Every structure is written in structure tokens, then in C-alpha cells.
Amino acid sequence: MTIQDMGSIGELIAAFATLITLAYLALQLKQNTTALKSQTFQQSSMDMSLTANSISSDGELAKIIIKAEDGLNTLSSDERLRFHFWMLVAVRRFEAIYIQALYGSIERDRIKGFERSILSLLSNVGFEWWESTKSAFSEEFIVYADQGISSGGFRSAVHPGKKR
């Protein structure tokens, strides 16, 4: 066996080792992406749960939200302020989830439940609020939310028989 033959065998072994290394790195990248998507979904779920929990743990806020479905003019200035900031937090949290789905950090199918919840909120309790406040959100999200609201069929959580 000549030195040239041994060099060719060495190149073949190096090429094979490179392929194995690339396959291993691709597997690691796929596992890391899956873990990142899972973590992003978990954080998003916790954020939306905090929003819901604020209503269930604060009777006064729950009453404000129920009252707001009859119109923002039924709220006192203090109630209107609390409602505004609660809605701002709730919708901003979902906007962040929506953007994560656009970037591919969360699979779009995974956020359908969040989507139905927030669009139901905006269609019913928060419709008047949304119309007066939506300019605080990204243009892309406004278009998305307006299309979702106009698709209709969202039942009120406050008055389940009522649809906007």
C-alpha cells in the first residue's frame, strides 16, 4: 500500500466522520428546537393563565368585567381604568403569543384555544375597548384581530347565550 493509498483512505474516513458529525449536530438542533418551542408554549400558557387568574381571584375585577359587557359608559372612572389596564395586559399577552407563532416559536395549531379566548373577549366584553384602543397594538395584530372578530360566532363568557 502506497502513501497515496493511505491518504485516500484517510480522506474517506474523514469524510465519513464529517457526515456522522453533521448528522449528530442536525439531531441536536432538532431536539433543541423542540425544547425551545415547548418552553415558549409553557411560558405563553402561564401568561394567559395569570390573566384568567386575576379575574377568578379578584371579585371586584370580575364584577367590573361583567359590568363592562353592557358598555364602558356603565363603568365608573376607577372601574374603567382597571378594565382598561386588565384588557391591555390580556391582549398584549396574546399579541406576544401571536407574534411567537408568526416567528415559528410556537406552532399555530397550539394557540387556537388562546386565540378563541381572546377573540371572544374582544368580540363581547372588550369590543368597545378594542375599537378605541387597538392603535396601541402592531398593525399586523390589528388586522388579524379585526378579521377574527368579524368572523363572528364568539359567545360571551359573561352571558353564554349572547353572541355579538
Protein backbone atom coordinates (compact mmCIF):
# COMPACT_ATOMS: atom_id res chain seq x y z
CA MET A 1 0.00 0.00 0.00
CA THR A 2 1.40 3.33 -1.03
CA ILE A 3 1.33 6.56 0.88
CA GLN A 4 -1.13 7.89 -1.69
CA ASP A 5 -3.49 4.94 -1.00
CA MET A 6 -3.26 5.56 2.76
CA GLY A 7 -4.00 9.25 2.14
CA SER A 8 -7.12 8.32 0.16
CA ILE A 9 -8.28 6.01 2.95
CA GLY A 10 -7.67 8.82 5.46
CA GLU A 11 -9.75 11.21 3.37
CA LEU A 12 -12.55 8.65 3.17
CA ILE A 13 -12.52 8.17 6.95
CA ALA A 14 -12.51 11.97 7.46
CA ALA A 15 -15.46 12.41 5.09
CA PHE A 16 -17.39 9.66 6.90
CA ALA A 17 -16.59 11.23 10.28
CA THR A 18 -17.77 14.61 8.97
CA LEU A 19 -21.09 13.08 7.86
CA ILE A 20 -21.59 11.47 11.27
CA THR A 21 -20.79 14.77 12.99
CA LEU A 22 -23.24 16.67 10.77
CA ALA A 23 -25.98 14.11 11.40
CA TYR A 24 -25.37 14.38 15.15
CA LEU A 25 -25.50 18.18 15.01
CA ALA A 26 -28.74 18.09 13.00
CA LEU A 27 -30.30 15.79 15.62
CA GLN A 28 -29.15 18.10 18.43
CA LEU A 29 -30.56 21.13 16.62
CA LYS A 30 -33.92 19.42 16.13
CA GLN A 31 -34.08 18.44 19.81
CA ASN A 32 -33.12 21.97 20.87
CA THR A 33 -35.80 23.49 18.61
CA THR A 34 -38.44 21.16 20.04
CA ALA A 35 -37.38 22.04 23.60
CA LEU A 36 -37.46 25.77 22.81
CA LYS A 37 -40.96 25.53 21.28
CA SER A 38 -42.16 23.57 24.30
CA GLN A 39 -40.69 26.13 26.69
CA THR A 40 -42.21 29.02 24.72
CA PHE A 41 -45.63 27.35 24.79
CA GLN A 42 -45.34 26.68 28.54
CA GLN A 43 -44.49 30.33 29.23
CA SER A 44 -47.33 31.52 26.99
CA SER A 45 -49.75 29.22 28.76
CA MET A 46 -48.63 30.55 32.14
CA ASP A 47 -49.03 34.15 30.95
CA MET A 48 -52.59 33.52 29.76
CA SER A 49 -53.37 31.66 32.99
CA LEU A 50 -52.21 34.65 35.03
CA THR A 51 -54.64 36.82 33.09
CA ALA A 52 -57.54 34.46 33.80
CA ASN A 53 -56.46 34.00 37.40
CA SER A 54 -56.62 37.74 38.03
CA ILE A 55 -60.38 37.59 37.41
CA SER A 56 -61.02 34.46 39.43
CA SER A 57 -59.06 35.72 42.41
CA ASP A 58 -60.37 39.29 42.42
CA GLY A 59 -64.13 39.54 42.84
CA GLU A 60 -64.14 43.28 42.23
CA LEU A 61 -62.37 42.85 38.88
CA ALA A 62 -64.82 40.09 37.93
CA LYS A 63 -67.73 42.46 38.62
CA ILE A 64 -66.09 45.17 36.52
CA ILE A 65 -65.71 42.81 33.58
CA ILE A 66 -69.32 41.66 33.87
CA LYS A 67 -70.46 45.28 34.04
CA ALA A 68 -68.27 46.26 31.07
CA GLU A 69 -70.17 43.95 28.74
CA ASP A 70 -73.05 46.43 28.98
CA GLY A 71 -70.73 49.20 27.76
CA LEU A 72 -67.79 51.20 29.05
CA ASN A 73 -70.15 54.06 29.94
CA THR A 74 -71.61 51.85 32.69
CA LEU A 75 -68.24 51.87 34.48
CA SER A 76 -67.06 54.47 36.95
CA SER A 77 -63.77 56.18 36.13
CA ASP A 78 -61.92 53.86 38.56
CA GLU A 79 -63.58 50.79 37.06
CA ARG A 80 -62.84 51.99 33.53
CA LEU A 81 -59.18 52.43 34.41
CA ARG A 82 -58.94 48.95 35.95
CA PHE A 83 -60.77 47.44 32.98
CA HIS A 84 -58.53 49.27 30.51
CA PHE A 85 -55.30 48.05 32.05
CA TRP A 86 -56.57 44.50 32.56
CA MET A 87 -57.62 44.35 28.90
CA LEU A 88 -54.33 45.90 27.81
CA VAL A 89 -52.38 43.20 29.67
CA ALA A 90 -54.62 40.37 28.40
CA VAL A 91 -54.50 41.43 24.76
CA ARG A 92 -50.78 42.34 24.87
CA ARG A 93 -50.01 38.87 26.24
CA PHE A 94 -51.90 37.29 23.37
CA GLU A 95 -50.27 39.61 20.85
CA ALA A 96 -46.90 38.29 22.07
CA ILE A 97 -48.13 34.71 21.59
CA TYR A 98 -49.41 35.57 18.12
CA ILE A 99 -46.02 37.05 17.18
CA GLN A 100 -44.26 33.95 18.55
CA ALA A 101 -46.47 31.86 16.24
CA LEU A 102 -45.53 34.08 13.28
CA TYR A 103 -41.84 33.58 14.06
CA GLY A 104 -42.38 29.83 14.32
CA SER A 105 -41.54 29.63 18.03
CA ILE A 106 -44.99 28.14 18.70
CA GLU A 107 -46.94 26.02 16.27
CA ARG A 108 -50.04 27.88 15.11
CA ASP A 109 -52.33 24.96 15.96
CA ARG A 110 -51.12 25.08 19.58
CA ILE A 111 -52.51 28.58 20.15
CA LYS A 112 -56.04 28.01 18.82
CA GLY A 113 -57.53 27.86 22.34
CA PHE A 114 -55.81 31.11 23.36
CA GLU A 115 -56.98 32.63 20.09
CA ARG A 116 -60.64 31.68 20.68
CA SER A 117 -60.47 33.04 24.23
CA ILE A 118 -59.05 36.42 23.31
CA LEU A 119 -61.22 36.86 20.21
CA SER A 120 -64.29 36.00 22.29
CA LEU A 121 -63.21 38.59 24.86
CA LEU A 122 -62.66 41.23 22.17
CA SER A 123 -65.92 40.35 20.41
CA ASN A 124 -68.03 40.68 23.53
CA VAL A 125 -66.81 42.34 26.72
CA GLY A 126 -63.95 44.21 25.07
CA PHE A 127 -65.44 45.23 21.73
CA GLU A 128 -65.90 48.90 22.61
CA TRP A 129 -62.49 48.93 24.35
CA TRP A 130 -60.80 47.34 21.31
CA GLU A 131 -62.27 49.87 18.91
CA SER A 132 -60.91 52.76 20.97
CA THR A 133 -57.55 51.20 21.94
CA LYS A 134 -56.40 48.99 19.07
CA SER A 135 -53.98 51.62 17.78
CA ALA A 136 -51.75 50.69 20.74
CA PHE A 137 -51.02 47.34 19.05
CA SER A 138 -49.00 46.37 15.99
CA GLU A 139 -50.69 46.93 12.64
CA GLU A 140 -50.34 43.27 11.78
CA PHE A 141 -52.06 42.22 15.01
CA ILE A 142 -54.86 44.75 14.49
CA VAL A 143 -55.64 43.28 11.06
CA TYR A 144 -55.54 39.75 12.46
CA ALA A 145 -57.79 40.59 15.44
CA ASP A 146 -60.27 42.59 13.35
CA GLN A 147 -60.58 39.68 10.90
CA GLY A 148 -61.09 37.26 13.79
CA ILE A 149 -63.72 39.46 15.41
CA SER A 150 -65.58 39.98 12.14
CA SER A 151 -65.70 36.22 11.54
CA GLY A 152 -68.24 36.22 14.39
CA GLY A 153 -69.74 33.43 16.38
CA PHE A 154 -67.95 34.11 19.65
CA ARG A 155 -70.10 33.54 22.69
CA SER A 156 -69.88 35.71 25.74
CA ALA A 157 -68.34 34.14 28.85
CA VAL A 158 -70.47 36.54 30.92
CA HIS A 159 -73.73 35.81 29.11
CA PRO A 160 -73.23 32.43 27.34
CA GLY A 161 -76.43 32.70 25.29
CA LYS A 162 -75.38 36.06 23.87
CA LYS A 163 -73.36 36.38 20.67
CA ARG A 164 -72.00 39.58 19.20
